[in-house]
PDB file of N, CA and C in Angstrom:
ATOM      1  N   UNK A   1      13.309  36.466   1.102  1.00  0.00           N
ATOM      2  CA  UNK A   1      13.300  35.338   1.232  1.00  0.00           C
ATOM      3  C   UNK A   1      11.574  34.877   1.240  1.00  0.00           C
ATOM      4  N   UNK A   2      11.666  33.689   0.367  1.00  0.00           N
ATOM      5  CA  UNK A   2      10.164  33.038   0.624  1.00  0.00           C
ATOM      6  C   UNK A   2      10.024  32.174   1.280  1.00  0.00           C
ATOM      7  N   UNK A   3       8.414  31.581   2.185  1.00  0.00           N
ATOM      8  CA  UNK A   3       8.053  30.942   2.636  1.00  0.00           C
ATOM      9  C   UNK A   3       7.759  29.497   1.953  1.00  0.00           C
ATOM     10  N   UNK A   4       8.173  28.383   1.801  1.00  0.00           N
ATOM     11  CA  UNK A   4       8.720  27.355   1.014  1.00  0.00           C
ATOM     12  C   UNK A   4       8.374  26.217   2.279  1.00  0.00           C
ATOM     13  N   UNK A   5       7.646  25.125   2.160  1.00  0.00           N
ATOM     14  CA  UNK A   5       7.602  23.992   2.881  1.00  0.00           C
ATOM     15  C   UNK A   5       9.103  23.247   2.109  1.00  0.00           C
ATOM     16  N   UNK A   6      10.171  22.564   2.991  1.00  0.00           N
ATOM     17  CA  UNK A   6      10.757  21.721   2.178  1.00  0.00           C
ATOM     18  C   UNK A   6      10.174  20.421   1.971  1.00  0.00           C
ATOM     19  N   UNK A   7      10.578  19.464   1.238  1.00  0.00           N
ATOM     20  CA  UNK A   7      10.762  18.558   0.954  1.00  0.00           C
ATOM     21  C   UNK A   7      11.236  17.409   0.820  1.00  0.00           C
ATOM     22  N   UNK A   8      11.442  16.462   2.029  1.00  0.00           N
ATOM     23  CA  UNK A   8      12.036  15.640   2.140  1.00  0.00           C
ATOM     24  C   UNK A   8      11.335  14.420   2.120  1.00  0.00           C
ATOM     25  N   UNK A   9      11.241  13.779   0.858  1.00  0.00           N
ATOM     26  CA  UNK A   9      10.998  12.593   0.877  1.00  0.00           C
ATOM     27  C   UNK A   9      11.791  11.475   1.448  1.00  0.00           C
ATOM     28  N   UNK A  10      10.911  10.530   1.631  1.00  0.00           N
ATOM     29  CA  UNK A  10      11.357   9.382   2.915  1.00  0.00           C
ATOM     30  C   UNK A  10      11.870   8.342   1.695  1.00  0.00           C
ATOM     31  N   UNK A  11      12.787   7.352   2.080  1.00  0.00           N
ATOM     32  CA  UNK A  11      13.219   6.295   1.223  1.00  0.00           C
ATOM     33  C   UNK A  11      12.608   5.448   1.367  1.00  0.00           C
ATOM     34  N   UNK A  12      12.028   4.828   0.687  1.00  0.00           N
ATOM     35  CA  UNK A  12      11.213   3.420   1.008  1.00  0.00           C
ATOM     36  C   UNK A  12      12.478   2.082   1.019  1.00  0.00           C
ATOM     37  N   UNK A  13      12.320   1.537   2.072  1.00  0.00           N
ATOM     38  CA  UNK A  13      13.100   0.234   2.284  1.00  0.00           C
ATOM     39  C   UNK A  13      12.078  -1.313   1.234  1.00  0.00           C
ATOM     40  N   UNK A  14      12.725  -1.484   0.133  1.00  0.00           N
ATOM     41  CA  UNK A  14      12.311  -2.363  -0.529  1.00  0.00           C
ATOM     42  C   UNK A  14      12.561  -4.008  -0.021  1.00  0.00           C
ATOM     43  N   UNK A  15      13.893  -3.731   0.578  1.00  0.00           N
ATOM     44  CA  UNK A  15      14.221  -5.278   1.300  1.00  0.00           C
ATOM     45  C   UNK A  15      13.271  -5.705   2.570  1.00  0.00           C
ATOM     46  N   UNK A  16      12.129  -4.461   3.122  1.00  0.00           N
ATOM     47  CA  UNK A  16      11.267  -4.816   4.203  1.00  0.00           C
ATOM     48  C   UNK A  16      10.762  -6.369   4.027  1.00  0.00           C
ATOM     49  N   UNK A  17      10.241  -6.904   4.812  1.00  0.00           N
ATOM     50  CA  UNK A  17       9.506  -7.924   4.861  1.00  0.00           C
ATOM     51  C   UNK A  17       7.729  -7.901   4.472  1.00  0.00           C
ATOM     52  N   UNK A  18       7.580  -8.948   3.758  1.00  0.00           N
ATOM     53  CA  UNK A  18       5.989  -8.996   3.339  1.00  0.00           C
ATOM     54  C   UNK A  18       4.855  -8.522   4.653  1.00  0.00           C
ATOM     55  N   UNK A  19       5.305  -9.238   5.752  1.00  0.00           N
ATOM     56  CA  UNK A  19       4.413  -9.410   6.999  1.00  0.00           C
ATOM     57  C   UNK A  19       4.704  -7.799   7.673  1.00  0.00           C
ATOM     58  N   UNK A  20       5.374  -7.208   7.440  1.00  0.00           N
ATOM     59  CA  UNK A  20       5.831  -5.846   8.043  1.00  0.00           C
ATOM     60  C   UNK A  20       5.687  -5.147   7.216  1.00  0.00           C
ATOM     61  N   UNK A  21       4.631  -5.185   6.176  1.00  0.00           N
ATOM     62  CA  UNK A  21       4.526  -3.862   5.228  1.00  0.00           C
ATOM     63  C   UNK A  21       3.227  -3.505   5.742  1.00  0.00           C
ATOM     64  N   UNK A  22       2.833  -2.640   5.385  1.00  0.00           N
ATOM     65  CA  UNK A  22       1.155  -1.661   5.568  1.00  0.00           C
ATOM     66  C   UNK A  22       0.888  -2.789   4.392  1.00  0.00           C
ATOM     67  N   UNK A  23       0.595  -2.911   3.015  1.00  0.00           N
ATOM     68  CA  UNK A  23       0.102  -3.137   1.978  1.00  0.00           C
ATOM     69  C   UNK A  23       0.370  -4.601   1.924  1.00  0.00           C
ATOM     70  N   UNK A  24       0.696  -5.635   2.645  1.00  0.00           N
ATOM     71  CA  UNK A  24       0.725  -7.170   2.732  1.00  0.00           C
ATOM     72  C   UNK A  24      -0.375  -7.802   2.351  1.00  0.00           C
ATOM     73  N   UNK A  25      -1.670  -7.057   2.935  1.00  0.00           N
ATOM     74  CA  UNK A  25      -2.786  -7.839   3.080  1.00  0.00           C
ATOM     75  C   UNK A  25      -3.250  -7.597   1.731  1.00  0.00           C
ATOM     76  N   UNK A  26      -2.639  -7.060   0.574  1.00  0.00           N
ATOM     77  CA  UNK A  26      -3.156  -6.889  -0.871  1.00  0.00           C
ATOM     78  C   UNK A  26      -2.037  -7.866  -1.777  1.00  0.00           C
ATOM     79  N   UNK A  27      -1.145  -8.351  -0.977  1.00  0.00           N
ATOM     80  CA  UNK A  27      -0.296  -9.233  -2.430  1.00  0.00           C
ATOM     81  C   UNK A  27      -0.938 -10.210  -3.086  1.00  0.00           C
ATOM     82  N   UNK A  28      -2.154 -10.653  -2.792  1.00  0.00           N
ATOM     83  CA  UNK A  28      -3.149 -11.750  -3.677  1.00  0.00           C
ATOM     84  C   UNK A  28      -3.558 -10.753  -4.680  1.00  0.00           C
ATOM     85  N   UNK A  29      -3.717  -9.642  -4.970  1.00  0.00           N
ATOM     86  CA  UNK A  29      -4.497  -8.858  -5.884  1.00  0.00           C
ATOM     87  C   UNK A  29      -3.603  -8.779  -7.104  1.00  0.00           C
ATOM     88  N   UNK A  30      -4.180  -9.192  -8.331  1.00  0.00           N
ATOM     89  CA  UNK A  30      -3.292  -8.679  -9.285  1.00  0.00           C
ATOM     90  C   UNK A  30      -2.891  -7.233  -9.683  1.00  0.00           C
ATOM     91  N   UNK A  31      -1.993  -7.361 -10.372  1.00  0.00           N
ATOM     92  CA  UNK A  31      -1.355  -5.736 -10.606  1.00  0.00           C
ATOM     93  C   UNK A  31      -1.921  -5.534 -11.613  1.00  0.00           C
ATOM     94  N   UNK A  32      -2.571  -4.070 -11.347  1.00  0.00           N
ATOM     95  CA  UNK A  32      -3.050  -3.114 -11.836  1.00  0.00           C
ATOM     96  C   UNK A  32      -4.968  -3.172 -11.239  1.00  0.00           C
ATOM     97  N   UNK A  33      -5.381  -4.215 -10.268  1.00  0.00           N
ATOM     98  CA  UNK A  33      -6.337  -4.200  -9.753  1.00  0.00           C
ATOM     99  C   UNK A  33      -7.316  -3.082  -9.694  1.00  0.00           C
ATOM    100  N   UNK A  34      -8.328  -2.522  -9.940  1.00  0.00           N
ATOM    101  CA  UNK A  34      -8.916  -1.488  -9.733  1.00  0.00           C
ATOM    102  C   UNK A  34      -9.965  -1.463  -8.136  1.00  0.00           C
ATOM    103  N   UNK A  35     -10.613  -0.183  -7.950  1.00  0.00           N
ATOM    104  CA  UNK A  35     -11.406  -0.059  -6.393  1.00  0.00           C
ATOM    105  C   UNK A  35     -12.085  -1.480  -6.255  1.00  0.00           C
ATOM    106  N   UNK A  36     -13.018  -1.745  -7.381  1.00  0.00           N
ATOM    107  CA  UNK A  36     -13.561  -2.825  -7.173  1.00  0.00           C
ATOM    108  C   UNK A  36     -13.058  -4.382  -6.740  1.00  0.00           C
ATOM    109  N   UNK A  37     -12.065  -4.717  -7.439  1.00  0.00           N
ATOM    110  CA  UNK A  37     -11.261  -6.014  -7.214  1.00  0.00           C
ATOM    111  C   UNK A  37     -11.163  -5.599  -5.621  1.00  0.00           C
ATOM    112  N   UNK A  38     -10.133  -4.449  -5.218  1.00  0.00           N
ATOM    113  CA  UNK A  38      -9.550  -4.320  -3.822  1.00  0.00           C
ATOM    114  C   UNK A  38     -10.719  -4.137  -2.929  1.00  0.00           C
ATOM    115  N   UNK A  39     -12.002  -3.789  -2.914  1.00  0.00           N
ATOM    116  CA  UNK A  39     -13.103  -3.631  -2.355  1.00  0.00           C
ATOM    117  C   UNK A  39     -13.153  -5.323  -1.780  1.00  0.00           C
ATOM    118  N   UNK A  40     -13.745  -6.165  -3.210  1.00  0.00           N
ATOM    119  CA  UNK A  40     -14.448  -7.460  -3.280  1.00  0.00           C
ATOM    120  C   UNK A  40     -12.763  -8.611  -2.449  1.00  0.00           C
ATOM    121  N   UNK A  41     -11.774  -8.196  -2.926  1.00  0.00           N
ATOM    122  CA  UNK A  41     -10.740  -8.733  -1.823  1.00  0.00           C
ATOM    123  C   UNK A  41     -10.346  -8.892  -0.440  1.00  0.00           C
ATOM    124  N   UNK A  42     -10.950  -7.393   0.484  1.00  0.00           N
ATOM    125  CA  UNK A  42     -11.057  -7.059   1.524  1.00  0.00           C
ATOM    126  C   UNK A  42     -12.090  -7.774   2.497  1.00  0.00           C
ATOM    127  N   UNK A  43     -13.212  -7.577   1.647  1.00  0.00           N
ATOM    128  CA  UNK A  43     -14.426  -8.010   2.305  1.00  0.00           C
ATOM    129  C   UNK A  43     -14.331  -9.691   2.050  1.00  0.00           C
ATOM    130  N   UNK A  44     -13.882 -10.398   1.215  1.00  0.00           N
ATOM    131  CA  UNK A  44     -13.670 -11.658   1.286  1.00  0.00           C
ATOM    132  C   UNK A  44     -12.655 -12.104   2.372  1.00  0.00           C
ATOM    133  N   UNK A  45     -11.305 -11.311   2.548  1.00  0.00           N
ATOM    134  CA  UNK A  45     -10.381 -11.769   3.861  1.00  0.00           C
ATOM    135  C   UNK A  45     -11.238 -11.539   5.200  1.00  0.00           C
ATOM    136  N   UNK A  46     -12.161 -10.459   5.092  1.00  0.00           N
ATOM    137  CA  UNK A  46     -12.924 -10.234   6.195  1.00  0.00           C
ATOM    138  C   UNK A  46     -13.659 -11.362   6.597  1.00  0.00           C
ATOM    139  N   UNK A  47     -14.528 -11.752   5.904  1.00  0.00           N
ATOM    140  CA  UNK A  47     -15.265 -12.875   5.811  1.00  0.00           C
ATOM    141  C   UNK A  47     -14.684 -14.345   6.563  1.00  0.00           C
ATOM    142  N   UNK A  48     -13.474 -14.852   6.172  1.00  0.00           N
ATOM    143  CA  UNK A  48     -12.704 -15.612   6.388  1.00  0.00           C
ATOM    144  C   UNK A  48     -12.150 -15.795   7.763  1.00  0.00           C
TER     145      UNK A  48
END
């Protein structure tokens, strides 16, 4: 017998409300935004 970690991926609930999601603060970003765009977006939100 080999020692292996079992992989049990959790399912993602796509019906979850946007305000309950951990990434809801990134909803205003365009698809494919890079690190710089994300950083700028977070900095702008912090200033508001």
